[in-house]
Amino acid sequence: MEALALVEPGRVEVVERPDPVPAPSEVLVRMTGVGICGSDLSVFDGHREVPGTPWVLGHEGVGEIVALGSEVTGRRVGQRVVVEPNYCCFTCASCRAGFTSGCENRKIVGINVPGLLAERVAVPAPFAWPAPDGLATDELVCLEPYTVGAAASRRAGARPGQRALVVGTGSTGLLLVVHLVEAGLEVWFVEPTADRAEIAVELGARPFEDDDD
């Protein structure tokens, strides 16, 4: 199969890889869409180290299950899934305490395990989430960064009628704006880039000024 891999900082190539075979607890996913994140660009630029090259990039992915490992239940061939790209162990102290994002053994897709910019990828079944019906692939690709913003909102205890300030309206910041506006908050933002600021306004946020109360 083919994959897109970093071969040196600033250069990627299409490379040949053996077809992955799913382990008993994995599903094989035919990738149909992968987003490009700032962390991917950091790897591309050589600012973030990876185990070696050529290195397959990408972690914001959606696809279709084409094979199941022998122990997998609750998933089926032909099912569309969104990949959760941080594989926690569920057994370390952080995981047992419910803080899976702080997993001591976390595998970060595209950073310390190969990424999703490939024709097919073997994914641990618990991290291949069934995709909602009715969403197009380009919308599903946005679910991972949207979830990052939604988690920040949840952890902050955001409630309807409250005011919120979003600092930086890159893709995740803009998706957070969408989440907060839809949740009924008054949303302000700080963003030096004009086109990003324009989108934030279109989404219902207001630029924060120094004299705002």
C-alpha atoms as a PDB file:
ATOM      1  CA  MET A   1       0.000   0.000   0.000  1.00  0.00           C
ATOM      2  CA  GLU A   2       1.013   3.667  -0.298  1.00  0.00           C
ATOM      3  CA  ALA A   3       1.549   6.171   2.518  1.00  0.00           C
ATOM      4  CA  LEU A   4       2.703   9.776   2.748  1.00  0.00           C
ATOM      5  CA  ALA A   5       5.896   9.980   4.786  1.00  0.00           C
ATOM      6  CA  LEU A   6       8.350  12.596   5.957  1.00  0.00           C
ATOM      7  CA  VAL A   7      11.747  11.698   4.496  1.00  0.00           C
ATOM      8  CA  GLU A   8      13.597  14.750   5.814  1.00  0.00           C
ATOM      9  CA  PRO A   9      12.549  18.080   7.326  1.00  0.00           C
ATOM     10  CA  GLY A  10      10.544  19.977   4.740  1.00  0.00           C
ATOM     11  CA  ARG A  11      10.089  17.043   2.339  1.00  0.00           C
ATOM     12  CA  VAL A  12       7.492  14.287   2.106  1.00  0.00           C
ATOM     13  CA  GLU A  13       7.184  11.453  -0.386  1.00  0.00           C
ATOM     14  CA  VAL A  14       4.707   8.726  -1.227  1.00  0.00           C
ATOM     15  CA  VAL A  15       6.274   5.495   0.017  1.00  0.00           C
ATOM     16  CA  GLU A  16       5.361   1.823  -0.197  1.00  0.00           C
ATOM     17  CA  ARG A  17       4.451   0.034   3.017  1.00  0.00           C
ATOM     18  CA  PRO A  18       3.380  -3.565   3.692  1.00  0.00           C
ATOM     19  CA  ASP A  19      -0.347  -3.992   4.151  1.00  0.00           C
ATOM     20  CA  PRO A  20      -1.007  -3.882   7.909  1.00  0.00           C
ATOM     21  CA  VAL A  21      -2.532  -6.939   9.547  1.00  0.00           C
ATOM     22  CA  PRO A  22      -4.796  -6.117  12.510  1.00  0.00           C
ATOM     23  CA  ALA A  23      -3.854  -7.639  15.855  1.00  0.00           C
ATOM     24  CA  PRO A  24      -6.623  -9.500  17.731  1.00  0.00           C
ATOM     25  CA  SER A  25      -7.784  -6.275  19.423  1.00  0.00           C
ATOM     26  CA  GLU A  26      -7.452  -4.030  16.348  1.00  0.00           C
ATOM     27  CA  VAL A  27      -9.523  -3.059  13.333  1.00  0.00           C
ATOM     28  CA  LEU A  28      -8.138  -2.378   9.869  1.00  0.00           C
ATOM     29  CA  VAL A  29      -9.348   0.986   8.588  1.00  0.00           C
ATOM     30  CA  ARG A  30      -9.308   2.152   4.989  1.00  0.00           C
ATOM     31  CA  MET A  31      -8.617   5.854   5.377  1.00  0.00           C
ATOM     32  CA  THR A  32     -10.961   8.183   3.506  1.00  0.00           C
ATOM     33  CA  GLY A  33      -9.905  11.527   4.975  1.00  0.00           C
ATOM     34  CA  VAL A  34      -7.071  12.938   7.093  1.00  0.00           C
ATOM     35  CA  GLY A  35      -6.683  16.505   8.339  1.00  0.00           C
ATOM     36  CA  ILE A  36      -3.456  18.462   8.723  1.00  0.00           C
ATOM     37  CA  CYS A  37      -2.757  19.796  12.220  1.00  0.00           C
ATOM     38  CA  GLY A  38      -0.225  22.275  13.533  1.00  0.00           C
ATOM     39  CA  SER A  39       1.634  19.411  15.189  1.00  0.00           C
ATOM     40  CA  ASP A  40       1.917  17.738  11.767  1.00  0.00           C
ATOM     41  CA  LEU A  41       3.449  20.937  10.419  1.00  0.00           C
ATOM     42  CA  SER A  42       5.874  21.007  13.345  1.00  0.00           C
ATOM     43  CA  VAL A  43       7.015  17.509  12.398  1.00  0.00           C
ATOM     44  CA  PHE A  44       7.233  18.509   8.736  1.00  0.00           C
ATOM     45  CA  ASP A  45       9.382  21.530   9.585  1.00  0.00           C
ATOM     46  CA  GLY A  46      11.687  19.454  11.795  1.00  0.00           C
ATOM     47  CA  HIS A  47      10.696  21.274  14.993  1.00  0.00           C
ATOM     48  CA  ARG A  48       9.253  18.151  16.590  1.00  0.00           C
ATOM     49  CA  GLU A  49      11.257  14.947  16.657  1.00  0.00           C
ATOM     50  CA  VAL A  50       9.885  11.608  15.526  1.00  0.00           C
ATOM     51  CA  PRO A  51      11.473   8.168  15.986  1.00  0.00           C
ATOM     52  CA  GLY A  52      12.963   8.072  12.491  1.00  0.00           C
ATOM     53  CA  THR A  53      12.401   8.600   8.784  1.00  0.00           C
ATOM     54  CA  PRO A  54      10.615   7.889   6.562  1.00  0.00           C
ATOM     55  CA  TRP A  55       7.818   8.693   9.006  1.00  0.00           C
ATOM     56  CA  VAL A  56       4.105   8.497   8.198  1.00  0.00           C
ATOM     57  CA  LEU A  57       2.305  11.672   9.264  1.00  0.00           C
ATOM     58  CA  GLY A  58      -1.268  12.519  10.240  1.00  0.00           C
ATOM     59  CA  HIS A  59      -3.590  11.938  13.166  1.00  0.00           C
ATOM     60  CA  GLU A  60      -6.958  13.559  12.370  1.00  0.00           C
ATOM     61  CA  GLY A  61      -8.517  10.726  10.420  1.00  0.00           C
ATOM     62  CA  VAL A  62     -11.726   9.058   9.352  1.00  0.00           C
ATOM     63  CA  GLY A  63     -12.225   5.858   7.404  1.00  0.00           C
ATOM     64  CA  GLU A  64     -14.093   2.606   6.919  1.00  0.00           C
ATOM     65  CA  ILE A  65     -13.434  -0.671   8.700  1.00  0.00           C
ATOM     66  CA  VAL A  66     -12.376  -3.343   6.223  1.00  0.00           C
ATOM     67  CA  ALA A  67     -11.256  -6.104   8.623  1.00  0.00           C
ATOM     68  CA  LEU A  68     -11.618  -7.053  12.285  1.00  0.00           C
ATOM     69  CA  GLY A  69      -9.142  -8.616  14.681  1.00  0.00           C
ATOM     70  CA  SER A  70     -10.200 -11.951  16.131  1.00  0.00           C
ATOM     71  CA  GLU A  71     -11.139 -10.501  19.550  1.00  0.00           C
ATOM     72  CA  VAL A  72     -12.987  -7.365  18.379  1.00  0.00           C
ATOM     73  CA  THR A  73     -16.645  -6.906  19.284  1.00  0.00           C
ATOM     74  CA  GLY A  74     -18.916  -3.912  18.829  1.00  0.00           C
ATOM     75  CA  ARG A  75     -17.446  -2.999  15.438  1.00  0.00           C
ATOM     76  CA  ARG A  76     -18.281  -4.310  11.968  1.00  0.00           C
ATOM     77  CA  VAL A  77     -16.809  -4.366   8.505  1.00  0.00           C
ATOM     78  CA  GLY A  78     -18.141  -1.469   6.432  1.00  0.00           C
ATOM     79  CA  GLN A  79     -18.611   0.806   9.457  1.00  0.00           C
ATOM     80  CA  ARG A  80     -17.358   4.374   9.175  1.00  0.00           C
ATOM     81  CA  VAL A  81     -15.178   5.398  12.110  1.00  0.00           C
ATOM     82  CA  VAL A  82     -13.287   8.402  13.440  1.00  0.00           C
ATOM     83  CA  VAL A  83      -9.884   7.643  14.934  1.00  0.00           C
ATOM     84  CA  GLU A  84      -9.106   8.921  18.422  1.00  0.00           C
ATOM     85  CA  PRO A  85      -5.368   9.555  17.976  1.00  0.00           C
ATOM     86  CA  ASN A  86      -4.073   9.195  21.528  1.00  0.00           C
ATOM     87  CA  TYR A  87      -3.924   5.552  22.541  1.00  0.00           C
ATOM     88  CA  CYS A  88      -3.882   5.313  26.332  1.00  0.00           C
ATOM     89  CA  CYS A  89      -3.070   2.117  28.232  1.00  0.00           C
ATOM     90  CA  PHE A  90      -6.026   2.181  30.685  1.00  0.00           C
ATOM     91  CA  THR A  91      -3.783   0.575  33.346  1.00  0.00           C
ATOM     92  CA  CYS A  92      -1.324   3.234  34.614  1.00  0.00           C
ATOM     93  CA  ALA A  93      -2.093   5.421  37.651  1.00  0.00           C
ATOM     94  CA  SER A  94      -3.280   8.347  35.518  1.00  0.00           C
ATOM     95  CA  CYS A  95      -5.597   6.156  33.457  1.00  0.00           C
ATOM     96  CA  ARG A  96      -7.035   4.464  36.560  1.00  0.00           C
ATOM     97  CA  ALA A  97      -7.731   7.911  38.022  1.00  0.00           C
ATOM     98  CA  GLY A  98      -9.646   8.876  34.876  1.00  0.00           C
ATOM     99  CA  PHE A  99      -6.960  11.177  33.449  1.00  0.00           C
ATOM    100  CA  THR A 100      -6.300   9.241  30.264  1.00  0.00           C
ATOM    101  CA  SER A 101      -4.797  12.325  28.583  1.00  0.00           C
ATOM    102  CA  GLY A 102      -1.951  12.039  31.093  1.00  0.00           C
ATOM    103  CA  CYS A 103      -1.339   8.361  30.380  1.00  0.00           C
ATOM    104  CA  GLU A 104       2.231   7.409  31.216  1.00  0.00           C
ATOM    105  CA  ASN A 105       2.336   5.021  28.245  1.00  0.00           C
ATOM    106  CA  ARG A 106       0.400   7.106  25.734  1.00  0.00           C
ATOM    107  CA  LYS A 107       0.916   6.383  22.059  1.00  0.00           C
ATOM    108  CA  ILE A 108       0.487   9.553  19.997  1.00  0.00           C
ATOM    109  CA  VAL A 109      -0.475   8.819  16.415  1.00  0.00           C
ATOM    110  CA  GLY A 110       1.843  10.503  13.940  1.00  0.00           C
ATOM    111  CA  ILE A 111       4.283  11.460  16.709  1.00  0.00           C
ATOM    112  CA  ASN A 112       5.563   8.330  18.467  1.00  0.00           C
ATOM    113  CA  VAL A 113       3.613   5.750  16.458  1.00  0.00           C
ATOM    114  CA  PRO A 114       3.132   5.970  12.671  1.00  0.00           C
ATOM    115  CA  GLY A 115       0.330   8.200  11.450  1.00  0.00           C
ATOM    116  CA  LEU A 116      -2.834   7.909   9.382  1.00  0.00           C
ATOM    117  CA  LEU A 117      -1.774   9.312   6.006  1.00  0.00           C
ATOM    118  CA  ALA A 118      -1.834   5.853   4.490  1.00  0.00           C
ATOM    119  CA  GLU A 119      -4.282   3.812   2.477  1.00  0.00           C
ATOM    120  CA  ARG A 120      -4.953   1.446   5.380  1.00  0.00           C
ATOM    121  CA  VAL A 121      -4.126   1.615   9.091  1.00  0.00           C
ATOM    122  CA  ALA A 122      -4.507  -0.877  11.948  1.00  0.00           C
ATOM    123  CA  VAL A 123      -6.194   0.902  14.875  1.00  0.00           C
ATOM    124  CA  PRO A 124      -6.950  -0.394  18.394  1.00  0.00           C
ATOM    125  CA  ALA A 125     -10.692  -1.022  18.307  1.00  0.00           C
ATOM    126  CA  PRO A 126     -11.553   1.154  21.368  1.00  0.00           C
ATOM    127  CA  PHE A 127     -10.054   4.142  19.545  1.00  0.00           C
ATOM    128  CA  ALA A 128     -12.018   3.658  16.312  1.00  0.00           C
ATOM    129  CA  TRP A 129     -15.274   5.417  17.153  1.00  0.00           C
ATOM    130  CA  PRO A 130     -18.403   4.785  15.054  1.00  0.00           C
ATOM    131  CA  ALA A 131     -19.091   7.925  13.022  1.00  0.00           C
ATOM    132  CA  PRO A 132     -22.419   9.761  13.302  1.00  0.00           C
ATOM    133  CA  ASP A 133     -24.748   9.220  10.379  1.00  0.00           C
ATOM    134  CA  GLY A 134     -25.232  12.063   7.945  1.00  0.00           C
ATOM    135  CA  LEU A 135     -21.842  13.754   8.335  1.00  0.00           C
ATOM    136  CA  ALA A 136     -19.601  14.113   5.292  1.00  0.00           C
ATOM    137  CA  THR A 137     -15.970  13.030   5.422  1.00  0.00           C
ATOM    138  CA  ASP A 138     -14.667  16.612   5.561  1.00  0.00           C
ATOM    139  CA  GLU A 139     -16.918  17.232   8.568  1.00  0.00           C
ATOM    140  CA  LEU A 140     -15.843  14.027  10.298  1.00  0.00           C
ATOM    141  CA  VAL A 141     -12.175  15.000   9.886  1.00  0.00           C
ATOM    142  CA  CYS A 142     -12.935  18.022  12.095  1.00  0.00           C
ATOM    143  CA  LEU A 143     -14.303  15.962  14.981  1.00  0.00           C
ATOM    144  CA  GLU A 144     -10.923  15.393  16.646  1.00  0.00           C
ATOM    145  CA  PRO A 145      -9.987  19.106  16.914  1.00  0.00           C
ATOM    146  CA  TYR A 146     -13.612  19.938  17.771  1.00  0.00           C
ATOM    147  CA  THR A 147     -13.404  17.463  20.643  1.00  0.00           C
ATOM    148  CA  VAL A 148     -10.289  19.246  21.945  1.00  0.00           C
ATOM    149  CA  GLY A 149     -12.259  22.486  22.187  1.00  0.00           C
ATOM    150  CA  ALA A 150     -15.311  20.781  23.643  1.00  0.00           C
ATOM    151  CA  ALA A 151     -13.148  19.182  26.338  1.00  0.00           C
ATOM    152  CA  ALA A 152     -11.688  22.584  27.243  1.00  0.00           C
ATOM    153  CA  SER A 153     -15.204  23.983  27.542  1.00  0.00           C
ATOM    154  CA  ARG A 154     -16.308  21.086  29.735  1.00  0.00           C
ATOM    155  CA  ARG A 155     -13.296  21.343  32.012  1.00  0.00           C
ATOM    156  CA  ALA A 156     -13.859  25.102  32.384  1.00  0.00           C
ATOM    157  CA  GLY A 157     -17.462  24.491  33.427  1.00  0.00           C
ATOM    158  CA  ALA A 158     -18.829  26.728  30.655  1.00  0.00           C
ATOM    159  CA  ARG A 159     -22.554  27.434  30.992  1.00  0.00           C
ATOM    160  CA  PRO A 160     -25.179  29.280  28.898  1.00  0.00           C
ATOM    161  CA  GLY A 161     -25.207  33.004  29.585  1.00  0.00           C
ATOM    162  CA  GLN A 162     -21.572  33.129  30.666  1.00  0.00           C
ATOM    163  CA  ARG A 163     -18.885  35.101  28.852  1.00  0.00           C
ATOM    164  CA  ALA A 164     -15.822  33.438  27.351  1.00  0.00           C
ATOM    165  CA  LEU A 165     -12.574  34.613  25.791  1.00  0.00           C
ATOM    166  CA  VAL A 166     -10.900  32.487  23.127  1.00  0.00           C
ATOM    167  CA  VAL A 167      -7.219  33.342  22.698  1.00  0.00           C
ATOM    168  CA  GLY A 168      -6.189  32.417  19.168  1.00  0.00           C
ATOM    169  CA  THR A 169      -8.592  31.393  16.422  1.00  0.00           C
ATOM    170  CA  GLY A 170      -6.723  28.791  14.441  1.00  0.00           C
ATOM    171  CA  SER A 171      -8.773  25.759  13.488  1.00  0.00           C
ATOM    172  CA  THR A 172      -9.180  24.478  17.060  1.00  0.00           C
ATOM    173  CA  GLY A 173      -9.933  27.974  18.346  1.00  0.00           C
ATOM    174  CA  LEU A 174     -12.580  28.486  15.676  1.00  0.00           C
ATOM    175  CA  LEU A 175     -14.166  25.147  16.478  1.00  0.00           C
ATOM    176  CA  LEU A 176     -14.193  26.165  20.138  1.00  0.00           C
ATOM    177  CA  VAL A 177     -15.964  29.390  19.130  1.00  0.00           C
ATOM    178  CA  VAL A 178     -18.607  27.288  17.351  1.00  0.00           C
ATOM    179  CA  HIS A 179     -19.044  25.106  20.433  1.00  0.00           C
ATOM    180  CA  LEU A 180     -19.336  28.025  22.863  1.00  0.00           C
ATOM    181  CA  VAL A 181     -21.717  30.046  20.697  1.00  0.00           C
ATOM    182  CA  GLU A 182     -23.962  27.032  20.189  1.00  0.00           C
ATOM    183  CA  ALA A 183     -23.848  26.425  23.955  1.00  0.00           C
ATOM    184  CA  GLY A 184     -25.319  29.909  24.542  1.00  0.00           C
ATOM    185  CA  LEU A 185     -22.250  31.814  25.758  1.00  0.00           C
ATOM    186  CA  GLU A 186     -21.175  35.344  24.832  1.00  0.00           C
ATOM    187  CA  VAL A 187     -17.846  34.823  23.106  1.00  0.00           C
ATOM    188  CA  TRP A 188     -14.948  37.219  22.582  1.00  0.00           C
ATOM    189  CA  PHE A 189     -11.648  36.399  20.921  1.00  0.00           C
ATOM    190  CA  VAL A 190      -8.087  37.651  20.500  1.00  0.00           C
ATOM    191  CA  GLU A 191      -6.530  37.003  17.090  1.00  0.00           C
ATOM    192  CA  PRO A 192      -3.876  39.039  15.201  1.00  0.00           C
ATOM    193  CA  THR A 193      -4.492  37.406  11.813  1.00  0.00           C
ATOM    194  CA  ALA A 194      -7.194  39.237   9.864  1.00  0.00           C
ATOM    195  CA  ASP A 195      -8.701  36.323   7.943  1.00  0.00           C
ATOM    196  CA  ARG A 196      -8.991  34.158  11.053  1.00  0.00           C
ATOM    197  CA  ALA A 197     -10.552  37.055  12.953  1.00  0.00           C
ATOM    198  CA  GLU A 198     -13.061  37.543  10.142  1.00  0.00           C
ATOM    199  CA  ILE A 199     -14.148  33.907  10.360  1.00  0.00           C
ATOM    200  CA  ALA A 200     -14.529  34.162  14.140  1.00  0.00           C
ATOM    201  CA  VAL A 201     -16.862  37.123  13.686  1.00  0.00           C
ATOM    202  CA  GLU A 202     -18.875  35.206  11.077  1.00  0.00           C
ATOM    203  CA  LEU A 203     -19.237  32.387  13.603  1.00  0.00           C
ATOM    204  CA  GLY A 204     -20.736  34.719  16.192  1.00  0.00           C
ATOM    205  CA  ALA A 205     -17.805  35.906  18.328  1.00  0.00           C
ATOM    206  CA  ARG A 206     -16.636  39.482  18.923  1.00  0.00           C
ATOM    207  CA  PRO A 207     -13.088  40.824  18.901  1.00  0.00           C
ATOM    208  CA  PHE A 208     -11.844  41.652  22.394  1.00  0.00           C
ATOM    209  CA  GLU A 209     -10.750  45.245  22.914  1.00  0.00           C
ATOM    210  CA  ASP A 210      -8.629  46.569  25.769  1.00  0.00           C
ATOM    211  CA  ASP A 211     -11.512  48.680  27.047  1.00  0.00           C
ATOM    212  CA  ASP A 212     -14.015  45.789  27.092  1.00  0.00           C
ATOM    213  CA  ASP A 213     -15.475  45.146  30.541  1.00  0.00           C
END
